[in-house]
Amino acid sequence: MTSKKSTKKRYNILALIFGTVVINYLDRTNISVAASAISESLDLTTVQMGLIFSAFGVAYAALQIPGGIIVDKIRLRFLYALMLFLWSVATLFQGFVNSFKVLMGLRASIGVFEAPSYPANNAIVTKWFPETERASAIAIYTSGQFIGLAFLFPVLTLIQDKVGWRGLLIISGVIGIVWAVVWYAFYRDPDQHKTVSEAELKLIKDGGGFAKKVEKTTEKEKFNWDDFFEAFKHWKLWGIYIGQFCMGSMSIFFLTWFPTYLVEYRGFDFIKSGFLASIPFLAAFCGVLLAGFSSDFLVKKGKTPEFARKAPVLIGLSLSTLIIGANFTDSTFLIILFLTIAFFGNGLASITWVFVSLIAPKRIIGLVGGVFNLIGGLSAVIVPSVIGVLVQDGDFSPALFFIGALTVLGFLSFLLVVGKVKRIELKESGDEIKDIDS
């Protein structure tokens, strides 16, 4: 470990997380690009496609709490590489299915293996970044889902046009397997990184990061049920949980039904739809970066956490309600404009993980992240299936009204329920537990 010159190894780690998020969302959304072709090939109804979309969400949401606990216990270098490999293999196998049940099972297995991914991302950023840089770091890796898909949507449509939906899924799986090797080769925790400087470790630690080298112990840490219940006892945590569900609902629409909306309801050409679909994702990418950097800028200028952290989220959720505007026009330009503004707002609101990083008790940050992602992940269970039912007659208008209403609920949750943005402090096990805001 070097000490004479300050390093910036945390940005190398952030680049690894960014790449992993791109792969993560590639394997979540490639099926939405292929949905029309899969539906035709396997003779599936909209309700069945909704169930396939939701299968991922069911498994993903159900394993968020176990996933968060695992993140607190297992070295992230090994855990993340294993997750990447397994969900990529499941993605690859989707290219060989011939039945509704097998495809739904594989989608569920991808949800199982991706479940610890976002709690892991948050834990890594919390380890590696001081609080004054954390919203920016979260914004950068979160932007991976948007910028990756902005460029991937047209690329994926072209790949499918050349090699079919089966080839698309096989190629996606191979990419993820390669990235699993890259992750294992290059990721280290701060206390295990051989080239990080003492100056950088001090910067992280003094700024509230968890860079301090952990003392080895032969005593195995036991699971504490009191800690488990703490993740559900505080109103401010419920505020971010409900807000995450509502914010995620719009993301899920764009990640599942959006291409079908453009092709089947609006009648756009399949290849053209891939390029049009990239526009809202580029807007969301700009939104999430603007939110992260502006939030950290406001913190450095001495603004309160309530203002600096909540303002981008509340403005973003307000803009997201404009998705309803697409119901009142047949103009291609206006349809894409309303969807683009709405998804830009969703990007602004997508720094919500910063609340987990700043509010969750330190010793259960993975667990709280798991609960946060569990409830947020329920949107991936509920929303695709609800939309599948709402659009049975070919009209997407009720679906957009449904998404718009959820964004209003999310706005109210962050505004009224979260309260002060301060860490909940827990005393050592066996002592009385208290909330610092009580």
Protein backbone atom coordinates (compact mmCIF):
# COMPACT_ATOMS: atom_id res chain seq x y z
CA MET A 1 0.00 0.00 0.00
CA THR A 2 1.55 3.29 -1.11
CA SER A 3 1.59 6.31 1.16
CA LYS A 4 3.77 9.08 -0.34
CA LYS A 5 1.42 10.10 -3.14
CA SER A 6 -2.36 10.29 -3.04
CA THR A 7 -4.15 7.91 -5.41
CA LYS A 8 -7.64 7.92 -6.91
CA LYS A 9 -8.27 4.19 -7.05
CA ARG A 10 -11.88 4.71 -6.01
CA TYR A 11 -12.62 5.95 -9.54
CA ASN A 12 -11.23 2.74 -11.01
CA ILE A 13 -13.61 0.83 -8.75
CA LEU A 14 -16.47 3.08 -9.86
CA ALA A 15 -15.68 2.26 -13.51
CA LEU A 16 -15.97 -1.44 -12.67
CA ILE A 17 -19.38 -0.91 -11.04
CA PHE A 18 -20.51 1.16 -14.03
CA GLY A 19 -19.61 -1.63 -16.43
CA THR A 20 -21.35 -4.18 -14.23
CA VAL A 21 -24.55 -2.12 -14.13
CA VAL A 22 -24.53 -1.94 -17.94
CA ILE A 23 -24.26 -5.75 -18.10
CA ASN A 24 -26.91 -6.08 -15.40
CA TYR A 25 -29.43 -4.04 -17.35
CA LEU A 26 -28.46 -5.61 -20.66
CA ASP A 27 -29.53 -8.98 -19.25
CA ARG A 28 -32.68 -7.52 -17.68
CA THR A 29 -33.95 -5.76 -20.79
CA ASN A 30 -32.80 -7.73 -23.82
CA ILE A 31 -36.01 -9.71 -23.50
CA SER A 32 -38.07 -6.52 -23.88
CA VAL A 33 -36.40 -5.87 -27.24
CA ALA A 34 -37.09 -9.48 -28.22
CA ALA A 35 -40.61 -9.55 -26.71
CA SER A 36 -42.59 -9.20 -29.95
CA ALA A 37 -40.50 -11.86 -31.71
CA ILE A 38 -40.64 -14.22 -28.71
CA SER A 39 -44.39 -13.74 -28.41
CA GLU A 40 -44.87 -14.60 -32.07
CA SER A 41 -42.39 -17.51 -32.03
CA LEU A 42 -43.79 -19.14 -28.88
CA ASP A 43 -47.41 -18.02 -29.46
CA LEU A 44 -47.68 -16.06 -26.20
CA THR A 45 -50.44 -13.65 -25.14
CA THR A 46 -49.85 -10.22 -23.59
CA VAL A 47 -50.80 -11.67 -20.20
CA GLN A 48 -48.19 -14.43 -20.59
CA MET A 49 -45.55 -11.89 -21.65
CA GLY A 50 -46.45 -9.82 -18.59
CA LEU A 51 -45.90 -12.90 -16.42
CA ILE A 52 -42.52 -13.53 -18.06
CA PHE A 53 -41.50 -9.93 -17.40
CA SER A 54 -42.71 -10.28 -13.80
CA ALA A 55 -40.95 -13.62 -13.20
CA PHE A 56 -37.64 -11.79 -12.94
CA GLY A 57 -39.16 -9.31 -10.50
CA VAL A 58 -40.70 -11.97 -8.26
CA ALA A 59 -37.40 -13.76 -7.69
CA TYR A 60 -35.40 -10.53 -7.57
CA ALA A 61 -37.67 -8.95 -4.96
CA ALA A 62 -38.06 -12.11 -2.86
CA LEU A 63 -34.31 -12.45 -2.39
CA GLN A 64 -33.44 -8.83 -1.67
CA ILE A 65 -33.27 -9.28 2.11
CA PRO A 66 -31.20 -12.50 1.94
CA GLY A 67 -29.12 -10.79 -0.75
CA GLY A 68 -28.51 -7.78 1.48
CA ILE A 69 -27.48 -10.03 4.37
CA ILE A 70 -25.10 -11.92 2.07
CA VAL A 71 -23.53 -8.63 0.97
CA ASP A 72 -22.75 -7.84 4.63
CA LYS A 73 -21.07 -11.23 5.14
CA ILE A 74 -19.23 -12.24 1.94
CA ARG A 75 -16.28 -10.58 0.21
CA LEU A 76 -17.67 -8.65 -2.74
CA ARG A 77 -14.86 -9.63 -5.08
CA PHE A 78 -15.96 -13.27 -5.03
CA LEU A 79 -19.70 -12.69 -4.56
CA TYR A 80 -20.11 -10.34 -7.52
CA ALA A 81 -18.06 -12.50 -9.89
CA LEU A 82 -20.17 -15.53 -9.00
CA MET A 83 -23.44 -13.62 -9.44
CA LEU A 84 -22.34 -12.28 -12.82
CA PHE A 85 -21.37 -15.72 -14.07
CA LEU A 86 -24.59 -17.40 -12.97
CA TRP A 87 -27.06 -14.82 -14.27
CA SER A 88 -25.15 -14.66 -17.57
CA VAL A 89 -25.38 -18.43 -18.00
CA ALA A 90 -29.13 -18.23 -17.37
CA THR A 91 -29.36 -15.43 -19.96
CA LEU A 92 -27.52 -17.55 -22.50
CA PHE A 93 -29.81 -20.56 -21.92
CA GLN A 94 -32.85 -18.41 -22.73
CA GLY A 95 -31.73 -18.55 -26.33
CA PHE A 96 -32.56 -22.27 -26.47
CA VAL A 97 -36.04 -22.37 -24.92
CA ASN A 98 -39.19 -23.54 -26.69
CA SER A 99 -41.82 -23.18 -23.98
CA PHE A 100 -43.46 -20.53 -21.85
CA LYS A 101 -42.70 -22.32 -18.56
CA VAL A 102 -38.98 -22.81 -19.23
CA LEU A 103 -38.55 -19.21 -20.33
CA MET A 104 -40.35 -17.96 -17.22
CA GLY A 105 -38.15 -20.21 -15.05
CA LEU A 106 -34.96 -18.85 -16.59
CA ARG A 107 -36.16 -15.26 -16.16
CA ALA A 108 -36.81 -16.05 -12.50
CA SER A 109 -33.31 -17.53 -12.12
CA ILE A 110 -31.79 -14.32 -13.49
CA GLY A 111 -33.72 -12.47 -10.78
CA VAL A 112 -32.29 -14.85 -8.16
CA PHE A 113 -28.68 -14.30 -9.19
CA GLU A 114 -29.01 -10.53 -9.68
CA ALA A 115 -30.75 -10.01 -6.33
CA PRO A 116 -27.66 -8.93 -4.31
CA SER A 117 -26.31 -6.68 -7.08
CA TYR A 118 -27.65 -3.27 -6.04
CA PRO A 119 -27.10 -3.78 -2.30
CA ALA A 120 -23.56 -4.76 -3.33
CA ASN A 121 -23.17 -1.62 -5.49
CA ASN A 122 -24.28 0.56 -2.59
CA ALA A 123 -22.00 -1.23 -0.13
CA ILE A 124 -19.02 -0.80 -2.47
CA VAL A 125 -19.65 2.94 -2.92
CA THR A 126 -20.13 3.34 0.83
CA LYS A 127 -16.79 1.61 1.42
CA TRP A 128 -14.87 3.54 -1.22
CA PHE A 129 -16.31 7.08 -1.26
CA PRO A 130 -16.59 9.90 1.30
CA GLU A 131 -20.10 11.24 1.84
CA THR A 132 -19.41 14.44 -0.13
CA GLU A 133 -18.76 12.37 -3.28
CA ARG A 134 -21.31 9.64 -2.73
CA ALA A 135 -24.32 11.01 -4.62
CA SER A 136 -22.08 11.65 -7.63
CA ALA A 137 -20.68 8.12 -7.43
CA ILE A 138 -24.17 6.63 -7.16
CA ALA A 139 -25.32 8.79 -10.06
CA ILE A 140 -22.42 7.63 -12.22
CA TYR A 141 -22.99 3.91 -11.70
CA THR A 142 -26.78 4.31 -11.88
CA SER A 143 -26.33 6.15 -15.18
CA GLY A 144 -24.90 2.91 -16.53
CA GLN A 145 -28.39 1.51 -16.83
CA PHE A 146 -29.51 4.49 -18.92
CA ILE A 147 -26.49 5.27 -21.10
CA GLY A 148 -25.91 1.58 -21.67
CA LEU A 149 -29.46 1.03 -22.82
CA ALA A 150 -29.55 4.26 -24.82
CA PHE A 151 -26.83 2.84 -27.04
CA LEU A 152 -27.79 -0.79 -26.59
CA PHE A 153 -31.42 -0.48 -27.70
CA PRO A 154 -30.55 0.29 -31.33
CA VAL A 155 -27.63 -2.17 -31.22
CA LEU A 156 -29.81 -4.92 -29.77
CA THR A 157 -32.50 -4.36 -32.40
CA LEU A 158 -29.88 -4.63 -35.14
CA ILE A 159 -28.40 -7.79 -33.58
CA GLN A 160 -31.84 -9.36 -33.38
CA ASP A 161 -32.54 -8.35 -36.97
CA LYS A 162 -29.38 -10.23 -38.04
CA VAL A 163 -29.32 -13.30 -35.76
CA GLY A 164 -32.83 -13.47 -34.33
CA TRP A 165 -34.02 -13.27 -30.73
CA ARG A 166 -32.23 -16.48 -29.79
CA GLY A 167 -28.89 -15.17 -31.01
CA LEU A 168 -29.48 -11.91 -29.15
CA LEU A 169 -29.91 -13.70 -25.82
CA ILE A 170 -26.94 -16.00 -26.38
CA ILE A 171 -24.62 -13.09 -27.24
CA SER A 172 -25.82 -11.19 -24.15
CA GLY A 173 -24.98 -14.16 -21.93
CA VAL A 174 -21.47 -14.52 -23.36
CA ILE A 175 -20.73 -10.83 -22.71
CA GLY A 176 -21.70 -11.23 -19.04
CA ILE A 177 -19.51 -14.32 -18.56
CA VAL A 178 -16.50 -12.40 -19.87
CA TRP A 179 -17.24 -9.49 -17.54
CA ALA A 180 -17.38 -11.85 -14.53
CA VAL A 181 -13.74 -12.71 -15.19
CA VAL A 182 -12.85 -9.01 -15.51
CA TRP A 183 -14.53 -8.22 -12.17
CA TYR A 184 -12.71 -10.96 -10.26
CA ALA A 185 -9.38 -9.94 -11.75
CA PHE A 186 -9.59 -6.25 -10.84
CA TYR A 187 -11.93 -5.63 -7.87
CA ARG A 188 -10.61 -5.33 -4.29
CA ASP A 189 -12.04 -3.83 -1.09
CA PRO A 190 -10.11 -0.76 0.17
CA ASP A 191 -8.32 -2.76 2.88
CA GLN A 192 -7.21 -5.35 0.30
CA HIS A 193 -6.20 -3.01 -2.53
CA LYS A 194 -2.41 -3.12 -2.88
CA THR A 195 -1.94 0.20 -4.69
CA VAL A 196 -4.34 2.50 -2.82
CA SER A 197 -2.49 5.21 -0.87
CA GLU A 198 -2.78 5.96 2.84
CA ALA A 199 -3.83 9.49 1.85
CA GLU A 200 -6.76 8.19 -0.17
CA LEU A 201 -7.79 5.82 2.61
CA LYS A 202 -7.70 8.72 5.07
CA LEU A 203 -9.82 10.86 2.74
CA ILE A 204 -12.42 8.11 2.48
CA LYS A 205 -12.43 7.30 6.19
CA ASP A 206 -12.54 10.94 7.35
CA GLY A 207 -15.39 11.56 4.90
CA GLY A 208 -17.55 8.81 6.38
CA GLY A 209 -16.47 5.92 4.15
CA PHE A 210 -15.71 2.46 5.48
CA ALA A 211 -12.13 2.24 4.29
CA LYS A 212 -10.59 1.24 7.60
CA LYS A 213 -8.89 -2.10 7.50
CA VAL A 214 -11.01 -4.68 9.29
CA GLU A 215 -9.22 -6.57 12.03
CA LYS A 216 -9.26 -10.29 11.51
CA THR A 217 -11.08 -12.31 14.13
CA THR A 218 -11.67 -15.98 14.70
CA GLU A 219 -15.11 -15.26 16.16
CA LYS A 220 -17.88 -15.73 13.58
CA GLU A 221 -20.37 -12.87 13.47
CA LYS A 222 -23.88 -14.10 14.24
CA PHE A 223 -27.08 -12.92 12.61
CA ASN A 224 -29.03 -10.59 14.92
CA TRP A 225 -32.83 -10.64 14.66
CA ASP A 226 -33.02 -7.28 16.44
CA ASP A 227 -31.03 -5.80 13.57
CA PHE A 228 -33.40 -7.44 11.10
CA PHE A 229 -36.45 -5.78 12.65
CA GLU A 230 -34.65 -2.42 12.79
CA ALA A 231 -34.84 -2.35 8.98
CA PHE A 232 -38.66 -2.12 9.28
CA LYS A 233 -39.18 0.03 12.38
CA HIS A 234 -38.35 3.54 11.20
CA TRP A 235 -40.74 5.79 9.28
CA LYS A 236 -37.92 7.45 7.36
CA LEU A 237 -36.89 4.07 6.00
CA TRP A 238 -40.47 3.36 4.94
CA GLY A 239 -40.46 6.73 3.19
CA ILE A 240 -37.55 5.72 0.97
CA TYR A 241 -38.92 2.18 0.51
CA ILE A 242 -42.28 3.39 -0.83
CA GLY A 243 -40.62 6.13 -2.86
CA GLN A 244 -38.31 3.59 -4.46
CA PHE A 245 -41.25 1.39 -5.44
CA CYS A 246 -43.00 4.31 -7.14
CA MET A 247 -39.85 5.62 -8.82
CA GLY A 248 -39.00 2.12 -10.01
CA SER A 249 -42.41 1.62 -11.57
CA MET A 250 -41.65 4.02 -14.39
CA SER A 251 -38.24 2.46 -14.93
CA ILE A 252 -39.89 -0.95 -15.21
CA PHE A 253 -42.31 0.33 -17.87
CA PHE A 254 -39.37 1.53 -19.96
CA LEU A 255 -37.41 -1.68 -19.34
CA THR A 256 -40.26 -4.02 -20.27
CA TRP A 257 -43.29 -2.74 -22.18
CA PHE A 258 -41.81 0.38 -23.83
CA PRO A 259 -40.60 -1.25 -27.09
CA THR A 260 -43.93 -3.11 -27.39
CA TYR A 261 -45.75 0.19 -26.81
CA LEU A 262 -43.87 1.81 -29.69
CA VAL A 263 -44.18 -1.10 -32.13
CA GLU A 264 -47.62 -2.57 -31.46
CA TYR A 265 -49.63 0.37 -30.10
CA ARG A 266 -48.01 3.31 -31.88
CA GLY A 267 -47.18 1.33 -35.02
CA PHE A 268 -43.52 2.30 -35.31
CA ASP A 269 -41.15 0.27 -37.48
CA PHE A 270 -39.14 -2.23 -35.38
CA ILE A 271 -35.70 -0.88 -36.39
CA LYS A 272 -36.89 2.73 -36.08
CA SER A 273 -38.32 1.98 -32.65
CA GLY A 274 -34.87 0.92 -31.41
CA PHE A 275 -33.44 4.33 -32.26
CA LEU A 276 -36.48 6.24 -30.93
CA ALA A 277 -36.32 4.22 -27.71
CA SER A 278 -32.75 5.39 -27.15
CA ILE A 279 -33.82 9.05 -26.82
CA PRO A 280 -35.59 8.75 -23.43
CA PHE A 281 -32.69 6.66 -22.11
CA LEU A 282 -30.19 9.36 -23.11
CA ALA A 283 -32.39 11.91 -21.32
CA ALA A 284 -32.51 9.72 -18.21
CA PHE A 285 -28.71 9.40 -18.34
CA CYS A 286 -28.41 13.21 -18.35
CA GLY A 287 -30.94 13.43 -15.54
CA VAL A 288 -29.19 11.05 -13.18
CA LEU A 289 -25.78 12.69 -13.69
CA LEU A 290 -27.27 16.15 -13.19
CA ALA A 291 -28.94 14.95 -9.99
CA GLY A 292 -25.81 13.36 -8.55
CA PHE A 293 -23.37 16.17 -9.24
CA SER A 294 -25.80 18.96 -8.34
CA SER A 295 -26.70 17.19 -5.09
CA ASP A 296 -23.06 16.85 -4.03
CA PHE A 297 -22.41 20.46 -5.12
CA LEU A 298 -25.22 21.66 -2.86
CA VAL A 299 -23.82 19.62 0.05
CA LYS A 300 -20.37 21.18 -0.44
CA LYS A 301 -22.01 24.62 -0.48
CA GLY A 302 -23.45 23.94 2.96
CA LYS A 303 -27.06 23.24 2.01
CA THR A 304 -29.00 20.92 4.30
CA PRO A 305 -29.18 17.23 3.38
CA GLU A 306 -32.98 17.56 3.18
CA PHE A 307 -32.62 20.15 0.40
CA ALA A 308 -29.50 18.83 -1.35
CA ARG A 309 -30.60 15.19 -1.47
CA LYS A 310 -34.38 15.57 -1.82
CA ALA A 311 -34.58 18.40 -4.37
CA PRO A 312 -33.46 16.36 -7.43
CA VAL A 313 -35.75 13.48 -6.44
CA LEU A 314 -38.82 15.68 -5.94
CA ILE A 315 -38.24 17.68 -9.13
CA GLY A 316 -37.66 14.45 -11.03
CA LEU A 317 -40.84 12.78 -9.81
CA SER A 318 -42.80 15.92 -10.70
CA LEU A 319 -41.50 15.80 -14.27
CA SER A 320 -42.22 12.08 -14.49
CA THR A 321 -45.95 12.69 -14.23
CA LEU A 322 -45.79 14.14 -17.77
CA ILE A 323 -45.77 10.58 -19.13
CA ILE A 324 -49.57 10.96 -19.11
CA GLY A 325 -49.25 13.60 -21.83
CA ALA A 326 -48.47 10.88 -24.39
CA ASN A 327 -52.09 9.76 -24.07
CA PHE A 328 -53.35 12.99 -25.63
CA THR A 329 -51.43 13.12 -28.91
CA ASP A 330 -50.76 11.05 -32.03
CA SER A 331 -47.71 13.09 -33.04
CA THR A 332 -44.53 11.01 -33.03
CA PHE A 333 -42.55 14.06 -31.96
CA LEU A 334 -44.82 14.84 -29.01
CA ILE A 335 -45.10 11.20 -27.92
CA ILE A 336 -41.31 10.89 -27.73
CA LEU A 337 -41.06 14.36 -26.13
CA PHE A 338 -43.46 13.50 -23.29
CA LEU A 339 -41.76 10.14 -22.72
CA THR A 340 -38.32 11.76 -22.84
CA ILE A 341 -39.23 14.44 -20.26
CA ALA A 342 -40.80 11.78 -18.04
CA PHE A 343 -37.75 9.52 -18.18
CA PHE A 344 -35.41 12.51 -17.70
CA GLY A 345 -37.34 13.12 -14.48
CA ASN A 346 -36.97 9.46 -13.57
CA GLY A 347 -33.22 9.87 -14.03
CA LEU A 348 -33.22 12.91 -11.72
CA ALA A 349 -35.00 10.81 -9.11
CA SER A 350 -32.68 7.81 -9.49
CA ILE A 351 -30.13 8.85 -6.85
CA THR A 352 -32.43 7.39 -4.20
CA TRP A 353 -29.71 4.92 -3.12
CA VAL A 354 -27.94 7.89 -1.53
CA PHE A 355 -30.65 7.83 1.17
CA VAL A 356 -29.72 4.24 2.04
CA SER A 357 -26.08 5.26 2.22
CA LEU A 358 -26.82 8.24 4.48
CA ILE A 359 -29.71 6.95 6.62
CA ALA A 360 -29.15 3.21 7.15
CA PRO A 361 -27.31 2.09 10.32
CA LYS A 362 -23.73 1.23 9.38
CA ARG A 363 -23.71 -2.35 10.56
CA ILE A 364 -26.87 -3.27 8.61
CA ILE A 365 -26.40 -1.13 5.52
CA GLY A 366 -26.52 -4.22 3.31
CA LEU A 367 -29.70 -5.44 5.00
CA VAL A 368 -31.43 -2.06 4.67
CA GLY A 369 -30.27 -1.91 1.07
CA GLY A 370 -31.82 -5.33 0.58
CA VAL A 371 -35.17 -4.25 2.03
CA PHE A 372 -35.02 -1.02 -0.01
CA ASN A 373 -34.40 -2.99 -3.19
CA LEU A 374 -36.97 -5.62 -2.18
CA ILE A 375 -39.79 -3.10 -1.97
CA GLY A 376 -38.50 -1.20 -4.98
CA GLY A 377 -38.18 -4.52 -6.79
CA LEU A 378 -41.82 -5.31 -6.17
CA SER A 379 -42.50 -2.80 -8.94
CA ALA A 380 -40.89 -5.30 -11.30
CA VAL A 381 -43.35 -7.91 -10.04
CA ILE A 382 -46.53 -5.87 -10.00
CA VAL A 383 -46.18 -3.30 -12.79
CA PRO A 384 -45.50 -5.56 -15.81
CA SER A 385 -48.38 -7.88 -14.92
CA VAL A 386 -50.77 -5.01 -14.22
CA ILE A 387 -49.84 -3.41 -17.55
CA GLY A 388 -50.32 -6.78 -19.28
CA VAL A 389 -53.90 -6.83 -18.00
CA LEU A 390 -54.57 -3.13 -18.67
CA VAL A 391 -53.48 -3.36 -22.33
CA GLN A 392 -55.33 -6.56 -23.28
CA ASP A 393 -57.59 -4.61 -25.62
CA GLY A 394 -54.62 -2.88 -27.27
CA ASP A 395 -55.02 0.48 -25.49
CA PHE A 396 -51.96 1.64 -23.52
CA SER A 397 -53.62 4.78 -22.12
CA PRO A 398 -54.66 3.17 -18.78
CA ALA A 399 -51.09 1.93 -18.33
CA LEU A 400 -49.64 5.43 -18.65
CA PHE A 401 -52.24 6.83 -16.24
CA PHE A 402 -51.27 4.05 -13.81
CA ILE A 403 -47.57 4.94 -14.00
CA GLY A 404 -48.33 8.65 -13.61
CA ALA A 405 -50.37 8.05 -10.47
CA LEU A 406 -47.54 6.06 -8.89
CA THR A 407 -45.07 8.90 -9.47
CA VAL A 408 -47.38 11.25 -7.53
CA LEU A 409 -47.41 8.78 -4.62
CA GLY A 410 -43.61 8.59 -4.73
CA PHE A 411 -43.34 12.37 -4.63
CA LEU A 412 -45.52 12.53 -1.51
CA SER A 413 -43.54 9.75 0.17
CA PHE A 414 -40.17 11.48 -0.21
CA LEU A 415 -41.64 14.87 0.66
CA LEU A 416 -43.66 13.95 3.73
CA VAL A 417 -42.49 10.60 5.13
CA VAL A 418 -38.67 10.53 4.91
CA GLY A 419 -38.04 13.38 7.37
CA LYS A 420 -34.49 14.41 8.28
CA VAL A 421 -31.70 12.90 6.21
CA LYS A 422 -29.59 11.64 9.12
CA ARG A 423 -28.10 8.25 9.86
CA ILE A 424 -30.03 5.99 12.20
CA GLU A 425 -27.51 4.99 14.86
CA LEU A 426 -27.70 1.63 16.59
CA LYS A 427 -25.84 0.88 19.80
CA GLU A 428 -23.84 -2.29 20.10
CA SER A 429 -25.75 -5.57 20.23
CA GLY A 430 -27.36 -6.12 23.61
CA ASP A 431 -27.72 -2.40 24.31
CA GLU A 432 -30.79 -0.30 23.76
CA ILE A 433 -31.27 0.72 20.14
CA LYS A 434 -32.16 4.31 19.38
CA ASP A 435 -32.99 6.53 16.43
CA ILE A 436 -30.93 9.72 16.47
CA ASP A 437 -34.00 11.69 15.35
CA SER A 438 -36.17 10.45 18.24
